[in-house]
Amino acid sequence: MKNFDEEIARKGTELPLVEDFYSLQGEGYHTGKAAYFIRIGGCDIGCRWCDSKMSWNPNIHPLVSIDKIVASALTTAANAVVVTGGEPSLFNLKPLTDKLKTHHIETFIETAGVKPLTGQWDWICLSPKKQSPPVDELYERADELKVIIYDDDDFHWAEEAANKVNKKCKLYLQSEWSRYQKNIPAIVDYVKTYPKWSVSLQSHKFMHIP
């Protein structure tokens, strides 16, 4: 198996593929909609509560051509693709999104925005992390801001981020999954106090689907 390196990330014609599958969007604005998911390996943010730690090291995942990835997506009825990670902003995603667009597929991304974003995107979900904040341009481009609440300090971080996004950006608070029972009362109270926010639930986990 070829090892991932910066040249591969720059070219974007192959990606370290953790998994790809057809399912329903479980979180945020597009909850409940069918989509094809592409999870890319590689992330150096290191959130302690991350539920996709297997994606951090890109070298343990096979490099797969974007032609093969797109071909797999086309075997489904999906009219939208969600690119996630890991941290997908580490890669040149223009070749991937260009190929998807030739098939009239909508392109969505979920990113912490640690680097400038490449590619054509119909929807950008920005999920910023305190220990590795987004580049400034991602705040302005975001269609959706989704802040993960682990403890009460994260509400302050959420407000900092909300003050930087554009006025049309949808605002969501989502509990870290392992602390859902503990956090959800505080999140509900917060949204009732500050109704510019909405609650995002990881509905796919409640439905027991990928």
N, C-alpha and C. Protein backbone atom coordinates (compact mmCIF):
# COMPACT_ATOMS: atom_id res chain seq x y z
N MET A 1 0.85 -1.20 0.00
CA MET A 1 0.00 0.00 0.00
C MET A 1 0.88 1.25 0.00
N LYS A 2 0.63 2.15 -0.94
CA LYS A 2 1.39 3.39 -1.03
C LYS A 2 1.10 4.29 0.17
N ASN A 3 2.17 4.91 0.73
CA ASN A 3 1.99 5.79 1.86
C ASN A 3 1.51 7.17 1.41
N PHE A 4 0.68 7.76 2.23
CA PHE A 4 0.21 9.12 2.00
C PHE A 4 1.37 10.09 2.17
N ASP A 5 1.41 11.15 1.35
CA ASP A 5 2.37 12.23 1.56
C ASP A 5 1.77 13.53 1.06
N GLU A 6 2.51 14.63 1.23
CA GLU A 6 1.98 15.95 0.87
C GLU A 6 1.72 16.07 -0.63
N GLU A 7 2.51 15.38 -1.44
CA GLU A 7 2.31 15.44 -2.88
C GLU A 7 0.98 14.82 -3.26
N ILE A 8 0.62 13.72 -2.61
CA ILE A 8 -0.67 13.09 -2.85
C ILE A 8 -1.80 14.02 -2.45
N ALA A 9 -1.65 14.66 -1.28
CA ALA A 9 -2.67 15.60 -0.82
C ALA A 9 -2.82 16.76 -1.80
N ARG A 10 -1.71 17.22 -2.36
CA ARG A 10 -1.75 18.35 -3.28
C ARG A 10 -2.43 17.98 -4.60
N LYS A 11 -2.14 16.79 -5.11
CA LYS A 11 -2.72 16.38 -6.39
C LYS A 11 -4.22 16.10 -6.27
N GLY A 12 -4.60 15.36 -5.24
CA GLY A 12 -6.03 15.09 -5.03
C GLY A 12 -6.63 14.06 -5.96
N THR A 13 -5.81 13.34 -6.72
CA THR A 13 -6.35 12.32 -7.62
C THR A 13 -6.52 10.97 -6.93
N GLU A 14 -5.87 10.82 -5.78
CA GLU A 14 -6.06 9.67 -4.90
C GLU A 14 -6.28 10.19 -3.50
N LEU A 15 -7.09 9.49 -2.73
CA LEU A 15 -7.37 9.91 -1.36
C LEU A 15 -7.27 8.71 -0.42
N PRO A 16 -6.75 8.91 0.81
CA PRO A 16 -6.74 7.83 1.78
C PRO A 16 -8.17 7.60 2.29
N LEU A 17 -8.80 6.57 1.78
CA LEU A 17 -10.23 6.37 2.01
C LEU A 17 -10.46 5.51 3.25
N VAL A 18 -11.10 6.10 4.26
CA VAL A 18 -11.47 5.36 5.46
C VAL A 18 -12.69 4.49 5.18
N GLU A 19 -13.70 5.12 4.58
CA GLU A 19 -14.93 4.40 4.24
C GLU A 19 -15.76 5.26 3.31
N ASP A 20 -16.60 4.62 2.53
CA ASP A 20 -17.62 5.33 1.75
C ASP A 20 -18.87 4.47 1.73
N PHE A 21 -20.02 5.12 1.82
CA PHE A 21 -21.26 4.37 1.96
C PHE A 21 -22.45 5.30 1.69
N TYR A 22 -23.57 4.69 1.37
CA TYR A 22 -24.82 5.41 1.11
C TYR A 22 -25.70 5.31 2.34
N SER A 23 -26.16 6.46 2.84
CA SER A 23 -26.96 6.45 4.06
C SER A 23 -27.79 7.73 4.12
N LEU A 24 -28.21 8.10 5.32
CA LEU A 24 -28.93 9.35 5.55
C LEU A 24 -28.06 10.30 6.35
N GLN A 25 -28.15 11.57 6.02
CA GLN A 25 -27.45 12.57 6.82
C GLN A 25 -28.07 12.60 8.21
N GLY A 26 -27.23 12.46 9.23
CA GLY A 26 -27.75 12.34 10.59
C GLY A 26 -27.70 13.61 11.41
N GLU A 27 -26.98 14.63 10.94
CA GLU A 27 -26.74 15.81 11.77
C GLU A 27 -27.02 17.10 11.01
N GLY A 28 -27.32 18.15 11.77
CA GLY A 28 -27.37 19.49 11.20
C GLY A 28 -28.53 19.75 10.25
N TYR A 29 -28.31 20.70 9.36
CA TYR A 29 -29.37 21.24 8.51
C TYR A 29 -29.98 20.19 7.59
N HIS A 30 -29.18 19.27 7.08
CA HIS A 30 -29.65 18.29 6.10
C HIS A 30 -30.06 16.96 6.73
N THR A 31 -30.31 16.95 8.02
CA THR A 31 -30.71 15.72 8.71
C THR A 31 -31.88 15.04 7.99
N GLY A 32 -31.73 13.72 7.80
CA GLY A 32 -32.79 12.93 7.21
C GLY A 32 -32.71 12.77 5.71
N LYS A 33 -31.80 13.51 5.05
CA LYS A 33 -31.68 13.44 3.60
C LYS A 33 -30.69 12.35 3.20
N ALA A 34 -31.00 11.65 2.12
CA ALA A 34 -30.09 10.62 1.61
C ALA A 34 -28.84 11.27 1.03
N ALA A 35 -27.69 10.62 1.27
CA ALA A 35 -26.43 11.12 0.72
C ALA A 35 -25.40 10.00 0.70
N TYR A 36 -24.42 10.16 -0.17
CA TYR A 36 -23.29 9.24 -0.23
C TYR A 36 -22.16 9.87 0.56
N PHE A 37 -21.61 9.13 1.51
CA PHE A 37 -20.59 9.66 2.42
C PHE A 37 -19.20 9.18 2.01
N ILE A 38 -18.25 10.11 1.98
CA ILE A 38 -16.86 9.80 1.68
C ILE A 38 -16.04 10.30 2.87
N ARG A 39 -15.49 9.37 3.65
CA ARG A 39 -14.67 9.74 4.81
C ARG A 39 -13.20 9.59 4.45
N ILE A 40 -12.47 10.69 4.53
CA ILE A 40 -11.06 10.72 4.16
C ILE A 40 -10.19 10.64 5.42
N GLY A 41 -9.12 9.85 5.35
CA GLY A 41 -8.19 9.73 6.47
C GLY A 41 -7.22 10.89 6.53
N GLY A 42 -6.81 11.24 7.75
CA GLY A 42 -5.84 12.30 7.95
C GLY A 42 -6.41 13.43 8.78
N CYS A 43 -5.91 13.58 10.01
CA CYS A 43 -6.34 14.69 10.88
C CYS A 43 -5.30 14.85 11.98
N ASP A 44 -4.88 16.09 12.23
CA ASP A 44 -3.90 16.34 13.29
C ASP A 44 -4.46 17.26 14.37
N ILE A 45 -5.79 17.36 14.44
CA ILE A 45 -6.41 18.22 15.46
C ILE A 45 -6.44 17.51 16.81
N GLY A 46 -6.82 16.24 16.82
CA GLY A 46 -6.73 15.42 18.03
C GLY A 46 -7.77 15.71 19.09
N CYS A 47 -9.03 15.87 18.72
CA CYS A 47 -10.08 16.07 19.72
C CYS A 47 -10.19 14.83 20.60
N ARG A 48 -10.18 15.00 21.91
CA ARG A 48 -10.18 13.85 22.81
C ARG A 48 -11.45 13.04 22.71
N TRP A 49 -12.54 13.69 22.28
CA TRP A 49 -13.83 13.01 22.21
C TRP A 49 -14.18 12.53 20.81
N CYS A 50 -13.25 12.63 19.89
CA CYS A 50 -13.53 12.26 18.49
C CYS A 50 -14.08 10.84 18.38
N ASP A 51 -15.15 10.67 17.60
CA ASP A 51 -15.72 9.34 17.40
C ASP A 51 -15.23 8.70 16.11
N SER A 52 -14.21 9.32 15.49
CA SER A 52 -13.63 8.76 14.26
C SER A 52 -12.10 8.75 14.35
N LYS A 53 -11.59 8.34 15.51
CA LYS A 53 -10.14 8.36 15.69
C LYS A 53 -9.41 7.45 14.72
N MET A 54 -10.11 6.46 14.18
CA MET A 54 -9.48 5.57 13.20
C MET A 54 -9.11 6.33 11.93
N SER A 55 -9.63 7.55 11.78
CA SER A 55 -9.36 8.32 10.57
C SER A 55 -8.13 9.23 10.72
N TRP A 56 -7.55 9.33 11.91
CA TRP A 56 -6.49 10.30 12.13
C TRP A 56 -5.24 10.03 11.29
N ASN A 57 -4.82 8.78 11.23
CA ASN A 57 -3.58 8.42 10.53
C ASN A 57 -3.90 8.04 9.09
N PRO A 58 -3.52 8.86 8.12
CA PRO A 58 -3.87 8.54 6.74
C PRO A 58 -3.14 7.32 6.19
N ASN A 59 -2.00 6.97 6.80
CA ASN A 59 -1.19 5.88 6.26
C ASN A 59 -1.76 4.49 6.52
N ILE A 60 -2.78 4.39 7.36
CA ILE A 60 -3.36 3.07 7.60
C ILE A 60 -4.57 2.82 6.70
N HIS A 61 -4.85 3.75 5.82
CA HIS A 61 -5.99 3.62 4.92
C HIS A 61 -5.51 3.56 3.47
N PRO A 62 -6.15 2.75 2.65
CA PRO A 62 -5.69 2.60 1.27
C PRO A 62 -5.92 3.87 0.45
N LEU A 63 -4.95 4.18 -0.39
CA LEU A 63 -5.13 5.28 -1.34
C LEU A 63 -6.01 4.78 -2.48
N VAL A 64 -7.12 5.47 -2.70
CA VAL A 64 -8.10 5.06 -3.69
C VAL A 64 -8.26 6.19 -4.70
N SER A 65 -8.29 5.85 -5.96
CA SER A 65 -8.45 6.87 -7.00
C SER A 65 -9.83 7.51 -6.90
N ILE A 66 -9.89 8.80 -7.20
CA ILE A 66 -11.19 9.47 -7.14
C ILE A 66 -12.12 8.93 -8.21
N ASP A 67 -11.57 8.39 -9.29
CA ASP A 67 -12.43 7.77 -10.31
C ASP A 67 -13.20 6.60 -9.71
N LYS A 68 -12.53 5.80 -8.91
CA LYS A 68 -13.18 4.65 -8.28
C LYS A 68 -14.20 5.11 -7.24
N ILE A 69 -13.86 6.14 -6.48
CA ILE A 69 -14.78 6.66 -5.46
C ILE A 69 -16.05 7.19 -6.10
N VAL A 70 -15.90 7.97 -7.16
CA VAL A 70 -17.06 8.53 -7.85
C VAL A 70 -17.89 7.41 -8.48
N ALA A 71 -17.21 6.43 -9.06
CA ALA A 71 -17.93 5.31 -9.67
C ALA A 71 -18.78 4.58 -8.63
N SER A 72 -18.25 4.42 -7.42
CA SER A 72 -19.01 3.77 -6.36
C SER A 72 -20.24 4.59 -5.98
N ALA A 73 -20.07 5.90 -5.91
CA ALA A 73 -21.21 6.77 -5.59
C ALA A 73 -22.30 6.65 -6.65
N LEU A 74 -21.89 6.49 -7.90
CA LEU A 74 -22.85 6.44 -9.00
C LEU A 74 -23.63 5.14 -9.06
N THR A 75 -23.20 4.13 -8.30
CA THR A 75 -23.97 2.88 -8.25
C THR A 75 -25.20 3.02 -7.35
N THR A 76 -25.31 4.14 -6.63
CA THR A 76 -26.45 4.39 -5.74
C THR A 76 -27.37 5.44 -6.36
N ALA A 77 -28.47 5.69 -5.69
CA ALA A 77 -29.41 6.72 -6.15
C ALA A 77 -29.06 8.11 -5.61
N ALA A 78 -27.91 8.24 -4.98
CA ALA A 78 -27.55 9.49 -4.31
C ALA A 78 -27.46 10.65 -5.29
N ASN A 79 -28.06 11.77 -4.93
CA ASN A 79 -27.87 13.00 -5.70
C ASN A 79 -27.06 14.03 -4.92
N ALA A 80 -26.51 13.60 -3.76
CA ALA A 80 -25.64 14.45 -2.95
C ALA A 80 -24.54 13.60 -2.35
N VAL A 81 -23.37 14.19 -2.21
CA VAL A 81 -22.22 13.54 -1.57
C VAL A 81 -21.77 14.40 -0.41
N VAL A 82 -21.48 13.76 0.72
CA VAL A 82 -20.93 14.45 1.89
C VAL A 82 -19.49 13.99 2.06
N VAL A 83 -18.54 14.92 2.01
CA VAL A 83 -17.14 14.62 2.24
C VAL A 83 -16.81 15.00 3.68
N THR A 84 -16.25 14.05 4.42
CA THR A 84 -15.95 14.27 5.82
C THR A 84 -14.61 13.60 6.15
N GLY A 85 -14.27 13.54 7.42
CA GLY A 85 -12.96 12.99 7.77
C GLY A 85 -12.95 12.39 9.14
N GLY A 86 -11.76 12.37 9.72
CA GLY A 86 -10.56 13.13 9.39
C GLY A 86 -10.85 14.62 9.20
N GLU A 87 -9.90 15.26 8.52
CA GLU A 87 -10.04 16.68 8.22
C GLU A 87 -9.83 16.89 6.72
N PRO A 88 -10.92 17.00 5.96
CA PRO A 88 -10.80 17.04 4.50
C PRO A 88 -10.13 18.29 3.94
N SER A 89 -10.02 19.37 4.73
CA SER A 89 -9.37 20.57 4.18
C SER A 89 -7.86 20.37 3.98
N LEU A 90 -7.32 19.25 4.45
CA LEU A 90 -5.90 18.95 4.25
C LEU A 90 -5.60 18.55 2.80
N PHE A 91 -6.64 18.30 2.01
CA PHE A 91 -6.48 17.74 0.66
C PHE A 91 -6.98 18.70 -0.41
N ASN A 92 -6.43 18.53 -1.61
CA ASN A 92 -6.96 19.22 -2.77
C ASN A 92 -8.19 18.44 -3.23
N LEU A 93 -9.35 19.00 -3.02
CA LEU A 93 -10.60 18.31 -3.33
C LEU A 93 -11.23 18.78 -4.64
N LYS A 94 -10.54 19.65 -5.35
CA LYS A 94 -11.09 20.12 -6.62
C LYS A 94 -11.26 18.98 -7.64
N PRO A 95 -10.27 18.09 -7.80
CA PRO A 95 -10.48 17.00 -8.76
C PRO A 95 -11.70 16.14 -8.43
N LEU A 96 -11.91 15.85 -7.14
CA LEU A 96 -13.06 15.06 -6.73
C LEU A 96 -14.37 15.77 -7.02
N THR A 97 -14.47 17.03 -6.60
CA THR A 97 -15.74 17.74 -6.79
C THR A 97 -16.00 18.04 -8.26
N ASP A 98 -14.95 18.27 -9.03
CA ASP A 98 -15.14 18.48 -10.47
C ASP A 98 -15.78 17.25 -11.11
N LYS A 99 -15.31 16.06 -10.74
CA LYS A 99 -15.87 14.83 -11.30
C LYS A 99 -17.31 14.62 -10.84
N LEU A 100 -17.58 14.91 -9.57
CA LEU A 100 -18.95 14.77 -9.08
C LEU A 100 -19.90 15.72 -9.80
N LYS A 101 -19.42 16.92 -10.06
CA LYS A 101 -20.26 17.93 -10.71
C LYS A 101 -20.60 17.54 -12.15
N THR A 102 -19.71 16.80 -12.81
CA THR A 102 -20.03 16.36 -14.18
C THR A 102 -21.23 15.42 -14.19
N HIS A 103 -21.54 14.84 -13.02
CA HIS A 103 -22.70 13.96 -12.90
C HIS A 103 -23.87 14.64 -12.17
N HIS A 104 -23.76 15.97 -12.03
CA HIS A 104 -24.83 16.79 -11.43
C HIS A 104 -25.13 16.37 -9.99
N ILE A 105 -24.08 16.01 -9.26
CA ILE A 105 -24.22 15.62 -7.86
C ILE A 105 -23.90 16.81 -6.97
N GLU A 106 -24.77 17.09 -6.01
CA GLU A 106 -24.50 18.15 -5.04
C GLU A 106 -23.34 17.74 -4.14
N THR A 107 -22.54 18.72 -3.75
CA THR A 107 -21.36 18.44 -2.94
C THR A 107 -21.45 19.17 -1.61
N PHE A 108 -21.41 18.40 -0.54
CA PHE A 108 -21.43 18.93 0.82
C PHE A 108 -20.12 18.54 1.50
N ILE A 109 -19.66 19.36 2.43
CA ILE A 109 -18.46 19.04 3.18
C ILE A 109 -18.65 19.39 4.64
N GLU A 110 -18.05 18.57 5.51
CA GLU A 110 -17.99 18.84 6.94
C GLU A 110 -16.53 18.98 7.31
N THR A 111 -16.16 20.15 7.82
CA THR A 111 -14.75 20.48 8.02
C THR A 111 -14.56 21.35 9.25
N ALA A 112 -13.37 21.20 9.86
CA ALA A 112 -12.97 22.13 10.92
C ALA A 112 -12.31 23.36 10.33
N GLY A 113 -12.04 23.33 9.03
CA GLY A 113 -11.54 24.52 8.33
C GLY A 113 -10.14 24.94 8.69
N VAL A 114 -9.27 23.98 9.00
CA VAL A 114 -7.92 24.33 9.45
C VAL A 114 -7.05 24.86 8.32
N LYS A 115 -7.44 24.58 7.07
CA LYS A 115 -6.72 25.09 5.90
C LYS A 115 -7.74 25.64 4.91
N PRO A 116 -7.29 26.51 3.99
CA PRO A 116 -8.20 27.00 2.96
C PRO A 116 -8.82 25.84 2.19
N LEU A 117 -10.08 25.99 1.86
CA LEU A 117 -10.84 24.89 1.26
C LEU A 117 -10.75 24.94 -0.26
N THR A 118 -10.52 23.78 -0.85
CA THR A 118 -10.50 23.66 -2.31
C THR A 118 -11.76 22.92 -2.77
N GLY A 119 -12.10 23.07 -4.05
CA GLY A 119 -13.23 22.34 -4.60
C GLY A 119 -14.47 23.20 -4.76
N GLN A 120 -15.48 22.61 -5.42
CA GLN A 120 -16.78 23.26 -5.63
C GLN A 120 -17.76 22.70 -4.60
N TRP A 121 -18.36 23.57 -3.80
CA TRP A 121 -19.21 23.11 -2.70
C TRP A 121 -20.57 23.79 -2.73
N ASP A 122 -21.61 22.96 -2.64
CA ASP A 122 -22.96 23.49 -2.53
C ASP A 122 -23.33 23.79 -1.08
N TRP A 123 -22.64 23.13 -0.14
CA TRP A 123 -22.95 23.35 1.28
C TRP A 123 -21.69 23.09 2.10
N ILE A 124 -21.31 24.07 2.91
CA ILE A 124 -20.15 23.93 3.78
C ILE A 124 -20.60 23.96 5.22
N CYS A 125 -20.40 22.84 5.91
CA CYS A 125 -20.66 22.76 7.34
C CYS A 125 -19.34 22.94 8.07
N LEU A 126 -19.21 24.03 8.80
CA LEU A 126 -18.00 24.32 9.56
C LEU A 126 -18.20 23.90 11.00
N SER A 127 -17.32 23.01 11.46
CA SER A 127 -17.36 22.57 12.86
C SER A 127 -16.02 22.92 13.50
N PRO A 128 -15.89 24.14 14.02
CA PRO A 128 -14.59 24.65 14.48
C PRO A 128 -14.14 24.02 15.79
N LYS A 129 -12.83 23.88 15.93
CA LYS A 129 -12.24 23.29 17.13
C LYS A 129 -11.33 24.32 17.80
N LYS A 130 -11.47 24.47 19.11
CA LYS A 130 -10.73 25.49 19.84
C LYS A 130 -9.22 25.34 19.70
N GLN A 131 -8.73 24.09 19.73
CA GLN A 131 -7.29 23.86 19.73
C GLN A 131 -6.66 24.06 18.35
N SER A 132 -7.49 24.17 17.32
CA SER A 132 -6.98 24.39 15.96
C SER A 132 -8.04 25.17 15.18
N PRO A 133 -8.16 26.47 15.42
CA PRO A 133 -9.26 27.26 14.85
C PRO A 133 -9.24 27.31 13.33
N PRO A 134 -10.37 27.58 12.72
CA PRO A 134 -10.45 27.67 11.25
C PRO A 134 -9.68 28.87 10.72
N VAL A 135 -9.30 28.77 9.45
CA VAL A 135 -8.80 29.95 8.74
C VAL A 135 -9.97 30.92 8.58
N ASP A 136 -9.67 32.20 8.53
CA ASP A 136 -10.72 33.22 8.55
C ASP A 136 -11.72 33.06 7.42
N GLU A 137 -11.26 32.67 6.22
CA GLU A 137 -12.16 32.62 5.07
C GLU A 137 -13.28 31.61 5.24
N LEU A 138 -13.05 30.57 6.07
CA LEU A 138 -14.09 29.55 6.26
C LEU A 138 -15.27 30.08 7.04
N TYR A 139 -15.03 31.00 7.96
CA TYR A 139 -16.15 31.60 8.69
C TYR A 139 -17.09 32.31 7.72
N GLU A 140 -16.53 33.03 6.77
CA GLU A 140 -17.36 33.79 5.83
C GLU A 140 -18.07 32.88 4.84
N ARG A 141 -17.45 31.75 4.48
CA ARG A 141 -18.02 30.85 3.47
C ARG A 141 -19.03 29.86 4.03
N ALA A 142 -19.02 29.64 5.34
CA ALA A 142 -19.83 28.58 5.94
C ALA A 142 -21.32 28.80 5.72
N ASP A 143 -22.01 27.74 5.32
CA ASP A 143 -23.47 27.74 5.25
C ASP A 143 -24.07 27.30 6.58
N GLU A 144 -23.29 26.55 7.34
CA GLU A 144 -23.76 25.96 8.59
C GLU A 144 -22.61 25.95 9.58
N LEU A 145 -22.87 26.38 10.79
CA LEU A 145 -21.90 26.32 11.88
C LEU A 145 -22.40 25.29 12.88
N LYS A 146 -21.61 24.25 13.11
CA LYS A 146 -22.00 23.19 14.04
C LYS A 146 -20.92 23.07 15.11
N VAL A 147 -21.26 23.48 16.32
CA VAL A 147 -20.30 23.47 17.42
C VAL A 147 -20.62 22.30 18.34
N ILE A 148 -19.60 21.49 18.61
CA ILE A 148 -19.76 20.35 19.50
C ILE A 148 -19.60 20.81 20.94
N ILE A 149 -20.59 20.48 21.77
CA ILE A 149 -20.56 20.86 23.19
C ILE A 149 -20.11 19.66 24.01
N TYR A 150 -18.92 19.79 24.60
CA TYR A 150 -18.41 18.77 25.51
C TYR A 150 -18.62 19.21 26.95
N ASP A 151 -18.30 20.47 27.25
CA ASP A 151 -18.55 21.02 28.58
C ASP A 151 -19.01 22.47 28.43
N ASP A 152 -19.28 23.13 29.54
CA ASP A 152 -19.89 24.46 29.50
C ASP A 152 -19.02 25.50 28.82
N ASP A 153 -17.70 25.33 28.83
CA ASP A 153 -16.82 26.30 28.17
C ASP A 153 -17.07 26.36 26.67
N ASP A 154 -17.62 25.29 26.13
CA ASP A 154 -17.84 25.26 24.69
C ASP A 154 -18.95 26.20 24.24
N PHE A 155 -19.83 26.59 25.15
CA PHE A 155 -20.84 27.59 24.78
C PHE A 155 -20.16 28.93 24.46
N HIS A 156 -19.12 29.27 25.20
CA HIS A 156 -18.38 30.51 24.92
C HIS A 156 -17.70 30.43 23.56
N TRP A 157 -17.11 29.29 23.28
CA TRP A 157 -16.46 29.07 21.99
C TRP A 157 -17.49 29.17 20.85
N ALA A 158 -18.67 28.62 21.10
CA ALA A 158 -19.73 28.69 20.08
C ALA A 158 -20.09 30.14 19.77
N GLU A 159 -20.19 30.98 20.77
CA GLU A 159 -20.53 32.38 20.54
C GLU A 159 -19.42 33.11 19.82
N GLU A 160 -18.16 32.79 20.14
CA GLU A 160 -17.05 33.40 19.41
C GLU A 160 -17.14 33.08 17.93
N ALA A 161 -17.43 31.82 17.63
CA ALA A 161 -17.53 31.40 16.23
C ALA A 161 -18.74 32.05 15.55
N ALA A 162 -19.87 32.11 16.26
CA ALA A 162 -21.09 32.68 15.69
C ALA A 162 -20.90 34.15 15.32
N ASN A 163 -20.05 34.84 16.05
CA ASN A 163 -19.79 36.26 15.77
C ASN A 163 -18.96 36.47 14.52
N LYS A 164 -18.38 35.39 13.98
CA LYS A 164 -17.49 35.50 12.82
C LYS A 164 -18.13 35.03 11.51
N VAL A 165 -19.20 34.25 11.61
CA VAL A 165 -19.79 33.71 10.38
C VAL A 165 -20.70 34.74 9.72
N ASN A 166 -21.06 34.46 8.45
CA ASN A 166 -21.94 35.38 7.74
C ASN A 166 -23.37 35.30 8.30
N LYS A 167 -24.17 36.30 8.00
CA LYS A 167 -25.49 36.42 8.61
C LYS A 167 -26.47 35.33 8.19
N LYS A 168 -26.23 34.69 7.05
CA LYS A 168 -27.14 33.64 6.57
C LYS A 168 -26.78 32.26 7.10
N CYS A 169 -25.67 32.15 7.79
CA CYS A 169 -25.18 30.86 8.27
C CYS A 169 -26.13 30.28 9.33
N LYS A 170 -26.48 29.00 9.19
CA LYS A 170 -27.32 28.31 10.16
C LYS A 170 -26.47 27.92 11.37
N LEU A 171 -26.99 28.11 12.56
CA LEU A 171 -26.23 27.87 13.79
C LEU A 171 -26.76 26.66 14.55
N TYR A 172 -25.85 25.71 14.85
CA TYR A 172 -26.25 24.48 15.54
C TYR A 172 -25.32 24.18 16.71
N LEU A 173 -25.92 23.68 17.78
CA LEU A 173 -25.18 23.13 18.91
C LEU A 173 -25.45 21.64 18.98
N GLN A 174 -24.41 20.86 19.15
CA GLN A 174 -24.56 19.40 19.17
C GLN A 174 -23.74 18.82 20.32
N SER A 175 -24.37 18.04 21.14
CA SER A 175 -23.65 17.42 22.26
C SER A 175 -22.66 16.38 21.76
N GLU A 176 -21.50 16.33 22.41
CA GLU A 176 -20.59 15.20 22.22
C GLU A 176 -21.34 13.94 22.65
N TRP A 177 -21.30 12.91 21.83
CA TRP A 177 -22.20 11.77 21.97
C TRP A 177 -22.14 11.09 23.33
N SER A 178 -20.94 10.89 23.86
CA SER A 178 -20.82 10.16 25.13
C SER A 178 -21.37 10.95 26.31
N ARG A 179 -21.59 12.25 26.12
CA ARG A 179 -22.10 13.11 27.20
C ARG A 179 -23.50 13.64 26.89
N TYR A 180 -24.19 12.95 25.99
CA TYR A 180 -25.51 13.41 25.55
C TYR A 180 -26.47 13.59 26.73
N GLN A 181 -26.59 12.57 27.56
CA GLN A 181 -27.54 12.63 28.69
C GLN A 181 -27.22 13.79 29.62
N LYS A 182 -25.95 14.04 29.84
CA LYS A 182 -25.53 15.12 30.73
C LYS A 182 -25.73 16.49 30.10
N ASN A 183 -25.43 16.58 28.81
CA ASN A 183 -25.37 17.89 28.15
C ASN A 183 -26.69 18.40 27.60
N ILE A 184 -27.58 17.49 27.21
CA ILE A 184 -28.75 17.95 26.45
C ILE A 184 -29.65 18.92 27.24
N PRO A 185 -29.84 18.76 28.57
CA PRO A 185 -30.65 19.77 29.26
C PRO A 185 -30.06 21.17 29.17
N ALA A 186 -28.73 21.27 29.30
CA ALA A 186 -28.09 22.59 29.21
C ALA A 186 -28.18 23.15 27.80
N ILE A 187 -28.05 22.29 26.80
CA ILE A 187 -28.16 22.75 25.42
C ILE A 187 -29.58 23.23 25.11
N VAL A 188 -30.57 22.50 25.57
CA VAL A 188 -31.96 22.90 25.36
C VAL A 188 -32.23 24.26 26.01
N ASP A 189 -31.77 24.42 27.25
CA ASP A 189 -31.96 25.70 27.94
C ASP A 189 -31.24 26.83 27.21
N TYR A 190 -30.07 26.54 26.68
CA TYR A 190 -29.29 27.57 25.99
C TYR A 190 -30.01 28.02 24.72
N VAL A 191 -30.53 27.06 23.96
CA VAL A 191 -31.23 27.40 22.72
C VAL A 191 -32.52 28.17 23.02
N LYS A 192 -33.20 27.83 24.11
CA LYS A 192 -34.40 28.58 24.50
C LYS A 192 -34.06 30.01 24.90
N THR A 193 -32.87 30.19 25.47
CA THR A 193 -32.43 31.53 25.88
C THR A 193 -31.90 32.32 24.70
N TYR A 194 -31.21 31.63 23.78
CA TYR A 194 -30.61 32.27 22.61
C TYR A 194 -31.13 31.57 21.35
N PRO A 195 -32.33 31.91 20.90
CA PRO A 195 -33.00 31.15 19.84
C PRO A 195 -32.40 31.31 18.45
N LYS A 196 -31.32 32.06 18.32
CA LYS A 196 -30.61 32.05 17.03
C LYS A 196 -30.00 30.68 16.76
N TRP A 197 -29.80 29.90 17.83
CA TRP A 197 -29.24 28.56 17.72
C TRP A 197 -30.34 27.52 17.56
N SER A 198 -29.98 26.38 16.94
CA SER A 198 -30.83 25.20 16.91
C SER A 198 -30.04 24.02 17.47
N VAL A 199 -30.75 22.98 17.87
CA VAL A 199 -30.10 21.77 18.38
C VAL A 199 -29.88 20.81 17.21
N SER A 200 -28.68 20.28 17.13
CA SER A 200 -28.38 19.20 16.18
C SER A 200 -28.23 17.91 16.97
N LEU A 201 -28.99 16.90 16.56
CA LEU A 201 -28.89 15.57 17.19
C LEU A 201 -28.20 14.62 16.22
N GLN A 202 -27.44 13.69 16.74
CA GLN A 202 -26.84 12.65 15.90
C GLN A 202 -27.89 11.56 15.67
N SER A 203 -28.85 11.91 14.81
CA SER A 203 -30.03 11.05 14.65
C SER A 203 -29.68 9.68 14.07
N HIS A 204 -28.59 9.61 13.31
CA HIS A 204 -28.20 8.31 12.76
C HIS A 204 -27.83 7.32 13.85
N LYS A 205 -27.33 7.83 14.97
CA LYS A 205 -27.00 6.93 16.09
C LYS A 205 -28.27 6.45 16.79
N PHE A 206 -29.26 7.30 16.88
CA PHE A 206 -30.54 6.86 17.44
C PHE A 206 -31.22 5.84 16.52
N MET A 207 -31.01 6.01 15.20
CA MET A 207 -31.63 5.09 14.24
C MET A 207 -30.79 3.83 14.01
N HIS A 208 -29.59 3.82 14.58
CA HIS A 208 -28.67 2.67 14.43
C HIS A 208 -28.34 2.41 12.97
N ILE A 209 -28.00 3.49 12.25
CA ILE A 209 -27.56 3.37 10.87
C ILE A 209 -26.19 4.03 10.76
N PRO A 210 -25.40 3.73 9.72
CA PRO A 210 -24.07 4.35 9.57
C PRO A 210 -24.16 5.85 9.47
